[in-house]
Amino acid sequence: MGQILIKKLALEEAKKLGIETWSIWECEPSKFDWEYAEKETAYVFEGDVYVTAEKETVHITEGMLVSFPKGMQCTWDVRKKVRKAYTFNYII
């Protein structure tokens, strides 16, 4: 199974990827388990979250482009409301 990939990206650069056409997801502070049925790439507009998968924990905040591998099981610990655009078609 792959790892979580993260790239810091300015909003203007992210717009060049077509994020305006991606779906939007928001989540208030909470903690929950998640499994990715498909590879997902997301751009985080706002938020503060720790995602833990196996032995890896990543800290995701505003301005990050993040890619989650298909089949990954993880725990999301949302510390500050998250708002992201996501797609299943883009690869970092």
C-alpha atoms as a PDB file:
ATOM      1  CA  MET A   1       0.000   0.000   0.000  1.00  0.00           C
ATOM      2  CA  GLY A   2       1.209   3.495  -0.784  1.00  0.00           C
ATOM      3  CA  GLN A   3       1.776   6.442   1.434  1.00  0.00           C
ATOM      4  CA  ILE A   4       0.137   9.828   1.875  1.00  0.00           C
ATOM      5  CA  LEU A   5       1.736  12.382  -0.454  1.00  0.00           C
ATOM      6  CA  ILE A   6       1.697  16.078   0.462  1.00  0.00           C
ATOM      7  CA  LYS A   7       2.724  19.133  -1.510  1.00  0.00           C
ATOM      8  CA  LYS A   8       2.410  22.746  -0.308  1.00  0.00           C
ATOM      9  CA  LEU A   9       0.666  24.664  -3.087  1.00  0.00           C
ATOM     10  CA  ALA A  10      -0.527  28.253  -3.369  1.00  0.00           C
ATOM     11  CA  LEU A  11      -4.216  28.661  -4.211  1.00  0.00           C
ATOM     12  CA  GLU A  12      -3.399  30.253  -7.586  1.00  0.00           C
ATOM     13  CA  GLU A  13      -1.307  27.203  -8.526  1.00  0.00           C
ATOM     14  CA  ALA A  14      -4.023  24.833  -7.313  1.00  0.00           C
ATOM     15  CA  LYS A  15      -6.572  26.617  -9.500  1.00  0.00           C
ATOM     16  CA  LYS A  16      -4.448  25.695 -12.524  1.00  0.00           C
ATOM     17  CA  LEU A  17      -5.187  22.039 -11.650  1.00  0.00           C
ATOM     18  CA  GLY A  18      -8.922  22.693 -12.064  1.00  0.00           C
ATOM     19  CA  ILE A  19      -9.892  22.481  -8.384  1.00  0.00           C
ATOM     20  CA  GLU A  20     -12.978  24.607  -9.100  1.00  0.00           C
ATOM     21  CA  THR A  21     -14.467  21.533 -10.809  1.00  0.00           C
ATOM     22  CA  TRP A  22     -13.672  19.157  -7.912  1.00  0.00           C
ATOM     23  CA  SER A  23     -16.229  18.189  -5.255  1.00  0.00           C
ATOM     24  CA  ILE A  24     -16.235  20.056  -1.921  1.00  0.00           C
ATOM     25  CA  TRP A  25     -16.215  18.370   1.502  1.00  0.00           C
ATOM     26  CA  GLU A  26     -16.356  20.006   4.940  1.00  0.00           C
ATOM     27  CA  CYS A  27     -16.000  18.540   8.410  1.00  0.00           C
ATOM     28  CA  GLU A  28     -16.289  20.074  11.858  1.00  0.00           C
ATOM     29  CA  PRO A  29     -13.768  19.064  14.567  1.00  0.00           C
ATOM     30  CA  SER A  30     -14.128  15.335  15.197  1.00  0.00           C
ATOM     31  CA  LYS A  31     -12.243  12.035  15.160  1.00  0.00           C
ATOM     32  CA  PHE A  32     -13.218   9.115  12.918  1.00  0.00           C
ATOM     33  CA  ASP A  33     -11.889   6.104  11.021  1.00  0.00           C
ATOM     34  CA  TRP A  34     -11.852   6.135   7.216  1.00  0.00           C
ATOM     35  CA  GLU A  35     -10.940   3.832   4.324  1.00  0.00           C
ATOM     36  CA  TYR A  36     -10.235   5.091   0.804  1.00  0.00           C
ATOM     37  CA  ALA A  37     -12.106   3.019  -1.806  1.00  0.00           C
ATOM     38  CA  GLU A  38     -10.325   4.961  -4.578  1.00  0.00           C
ATOM     39  CA  LYS A  39      -7.168   7.039  -4.821  1.00  0.00           C
ATOM     40  CA  GLU A  40      -8.148  10.560  -3.735  1.00  0.00           C
ATOM     41  CA  THR A  41      -6.384  13.872  -4.244  1.00  0.00           C
ATOM     42  CA  ALA A  42      -7.547  16.904  -2.266  1.00  0.00           C
ATOM     43  CA  TYR A  43      -6.687  20.581  -1.924  1.00  0.00           C
ATOM     44  CA  VAL A  44      -7.241  21.954   1.590  1.00  0.00           C
ATOM     45  CA  PHE A  45      -8.680  25.489   1.668  1.00  0.00           C
ATOM     46  CA  GLU A  46      -8.839  25.610   5.463  1.00  0.00           C
ATOM     47  CA  GLY A  47      -8.438  23.345   8.453  1.00  0.00           C
ATOM     48  CA  ASP A  48      -6.091  21.517  10.744  1.00  0.00           C
ATOM     49  CA  VAL A  49      -6.124  17.713  10.790  1.00  0.00           C
ATOM     50  CA  TYR A  50      -3.868  14.812  11.702  1.00  0.00           C
ATOM     51  CA  VAL A  51      -4.287  11.682   9.586  1.00  0.00           C
ATOM     52  CA  THR A  52      -2.801   8.460  10.939  1.00  0.00           C
ATOM     53  CA  ALA A  53      -2.371   5.341   8.800  1.00  0.00           C
ATOM     54  CA  GLU A  54      -0.379   2.360  10.077  1.00  0.00           C
ATOM     55  CA  LYS A  55       2.929   3.874  11.280  1.00  0.00           C
ATOM     56  CA  GLU A  56       2.521   7.193   9.470  1.00  0.00           C
ATOM     57  CA  THR A  57       0.932  10.375  10.833  1.00  0.00           C
ATOM     58  CA  VAL A  58       0.711  13.501   8.690  1.00  0.00           C
ATOM     59  CA  HIS A  59      -0.343  17.003   9.701  1.00  0.00           C
ATOM     60  CA  ILE A  60      -2.512  18.610   7.024  1.00  0.00           C
ATOM     61  CA  THR A  61      -3.313  22.320   6.973  1.00  0.00           C
ATOM     62  CA  GLU A  62      -4.446  25.080   4.633  1.00  0.00           C
ATOM     63  CA  GLY A  63      -2.728  25.265   1.267  1.00  0.00           C
ATOM     64  CA  MET A  64      -1.780  21.611   0.959  1.00  0.00           C
ATOM     65  CA  LEU A  65      -2.389  19.266  -1.952  1.00  0.00           C
ATOM     66  CA  VAL A  66      -2.730  15.756  -0.521  1.00  0.00           C
ATOM     67  CA  SER A  67      -3.005  12.356  -2.182  1.00  0.00           C
ATOM     68  CA  PHE A  68      -4.370   9.295  -0.356  1.00  0.00           C
ATOM     69  CA  PRO A  69      -3.759   5.813  -1.841  1.00  0.00           C
ATOM     70  CA  LYS A  70      -6.575   3.420  -2.713  1.00  0.00           C
ATOM     71  CA  GLY A  71      -7.286   0.965   0.104  1.00  0.00           C
ATOM     72  CA  MET A  72      -5.644   3.045   2.841  1.00  0.00           C
ATOM     73  CA  GLN A  73      -7.267   2.727   6.271  1.00  0.00           C
ATOM     74  CA  CYS A  74      -6.685   5.678   8.554  1.00  0.00           C
ATOM     75  CA  THR A  75      -7.963   7.806  11.406  1.00  0.00           C
ATOM     76  CA  TRP A  76      -8.807  11.459  10.881  1.00  0.00           C
ATOM     77  CA  ASP A  77      -8.393  13.765  13.893  1.00  0.00           C
ATOM     78  CA  VAL A  78      -9.904  17.084  12.785  1.00  0.00           C
ATOM     79  CA  ARG A  79      -8.725  19.839  15.154  1.00  0.00           C
ATOM     80  CA  LYS A  80     -10.105  22.812  13.189  1.00  0.00           C
ATOM     81  CA  LYS A  81     -12.931  22.716  10.615  1.00  0.00           C
ATOM     82  CA  VAL A  82     -11.718  21.290   7.313  1.00  0.00           C
ATOM     83  CA  ARG A  83     -12.875  22.489   3.904  1.00  0.00           C
ATOM     84  CA  LYS A  84     -11.358  20.762   0.902  1.00  0.00           C
ATOM     85  CA  ALA A  85     -11.875  20.168  -2.795  1.00  0.00           C
ATOM     86  CA  TYR A  86     -11.293  16.574  -3.862  1.00  0.00           C
ATOM     87  CA  THR A  87     -11.174  14.366  -6.927  1.00  0.00           C
ATOM     88  CA  PHE A  88     -10.494  10.762  -7.771  1.00  0.00           C
ATOM     89  CA  ASN A  89      -8.850  11.559 -11.114  1.00  0.00           C
ATOM     90  CA  TYR A  90      -5.744  13.594 -10.288  1.00  0.00           C
ATOM     91  CA  ILE A  91      -2.397  12.247  -9.149  1.00  0.00           C
ATOM     92  CA  ILE A  92       0.290  14.357  -7.481  1.00  0.00           C
END
